[in-house]
Structure formats: structure tokens, C-alpha cells
Protein backbone atom coordinates (compact mmCIF):
# COMPACT_ATOMS: atom_id res chain seq x y z
CA MET A 1 -0.09 0.02 -0.07
CA THR A 2 0.98 3.50 -0.51
CA ASP A 3 1.93 5.88 2.33
CA LYS A 4 -1.27 7.89 1.78
CA ARG A 5 -3.37 4.75 1.81
CA ASP A 6 -1.72 3.41 4.95
CA LYS A 7 -2.35 6.82 6.68
CA PHE A 8 -5.97 6.82 5.56
CA VAL A 9 -6.65 3.32 6.75
CA ARG A 10 -4.87 3.84 10.18
CA LEU A 11 -6.75 7.31 10.86
CA ALA A 12 -10.14 5.93 9.41
CA GLU A 13 -9.95 2.99 11.70
CA ASN A 14 -9.02 4.90 14.73
CA ARG A 15 -11.66 7.76 14.18
CA VAL A 16 -14.55 5.38 13.29
CA ASN A 17 -13.96 3.07 16.23
CA LYS A 18 -13.79 6.27 18.54
CA ALA A 19 -16.98 7.64 17.08
CA LEU A 20 -18.73 4.05 17.47
CA LYS A 21 -17.65 3.97 21.09
CA ASP A 22 -18.95 7.61 21.59
CA ILE A 23 -22.32 6.73 19.91
CA GLN A 24 -22.68 3.78 22.38
CA LEU A 25 -21.94 6.07 25.25
CA ILE A 26 -24.82 8.34 23.95
CA GLY A 27 -27.00 5.44 24.10
CA ASN A 28 -26.31 4.91 27.55
CA LEU A 29 -28.07 8.22 28.32
CA CYS A 30 -31.36 6.41 27.81
CA ASN A 31 -31.41 5.33 31.43
CA ARG A 32 -34.38 7.30 32.86
CA HIS A 33 -33.49 6.34 36.39
CA ALA A 34 -30.10 8.21 36.08
CA TYR A 35 -31.01 11.06 33.69
CA GLU A 36 -34.12 13.30 33.09
CA TYR A 37 -34.87 14.19 29.25
CA THR A 38 -37.73 14.91 26.93
CA ASP A 39 -38.61 13.53 23.56
CA ASP A 40 -37.66 16.70 22.08
CA ASP A 41 -34.08 16.40 23.65
CA VAL A 42 -33.81 12.90 22.04
CA ARG A 43 -34.89 14.20 18.55
CA LYS A 44 -32.33 17.11 18.76
CA VAL A 45 -29.53 14.77 19.76
CA PHE A 46 -30.25 12.25 16.87
CA ARG A 47 -30.83 15.17 14.36
CA ALA A 48 -27.55 16.62 15.25
CA LEU A 49 -25.72 13.24 14.83
CA GLN A 50 -27.53 12.63 11.48
CA GLU A 51 -26.64 16.11 10.15
CA ALA A 52 -23.01 15.60 11.12
CA LEU A 53 -22.94 12.20 9.45
CA ASP A 54 -24.71 13.60 6.35
CA SER A 55 -22.27 16.35 6.17
CA SER A 56 -19.11 14.07 6.44
CA LYS A 57 -20.61 11.65 3.89
CA LYS A 58 -21.21 14.82 1.49
CA ARG A 59 -17.68 15.67 1.70
CA PHE A 60 -16.56 12.32 0.27
CA THR A 61 -18.75 12.79 -2.80
CA GLU A 62 -18.59 16.48 -3.24
CA SER A 63 -16.08 19.42 -2.49
CA GLY A 64 -18.42 20.41 0.41
CA SER A 65 -17.20 22.75 2.99
CA GLN A 66 -16.23 21.57 6.49
CA SER A 67 -18.63 22.22 9.37
CA ARG A 68 -17.39 22.38 12.84
CA GLY A 69 -20.58 23.33 14.80
CA GLU A 70 -20.97 22.15 18.32
CA PHE A 71 -24.01 20.44 19.54
CA LYS A 72 -26.11 22.28 22.21
CA LEU A 73 -29.53 21.29 23.57
């Protein structure tokens, strides 16, 4: 493999695995005995995640601009 390919594979594996772990941690927030939240909060969380995923996917298929917004409820 080329150096650029090796770097892509290494970074992609690390970043995707970190994102998957963080998504699993978000899932842990569903415990209503430990946390209080509304259905609207849940919709906002998943809307923000979906928008970030869509934006990243778009950057692979187009020359889309990078978005670095932070999530806030």
C-alpha cells in the first residue's frame, strides 16, 4: 500500500472506532433512572448526529465545506 493509503486506513479505523464508542455512550443516556430528558431532547440529539454524518458523507462525494459546529440542547 502507499503511504497515503496506509495513513487513511490507520486514521479511518481509529476515528470510526472512537465515534462508534462515543455513540454507544450516547445510548447509555437512555437510562431514565439516572437522567431526565424529553422526547424533544432525544430528537435534537439524533438530528445533530444525523446532520454531522450527512455532512461528512457529502464531503466524500462533493467538495463540500467543513462544518465544525458544536452540539447544544
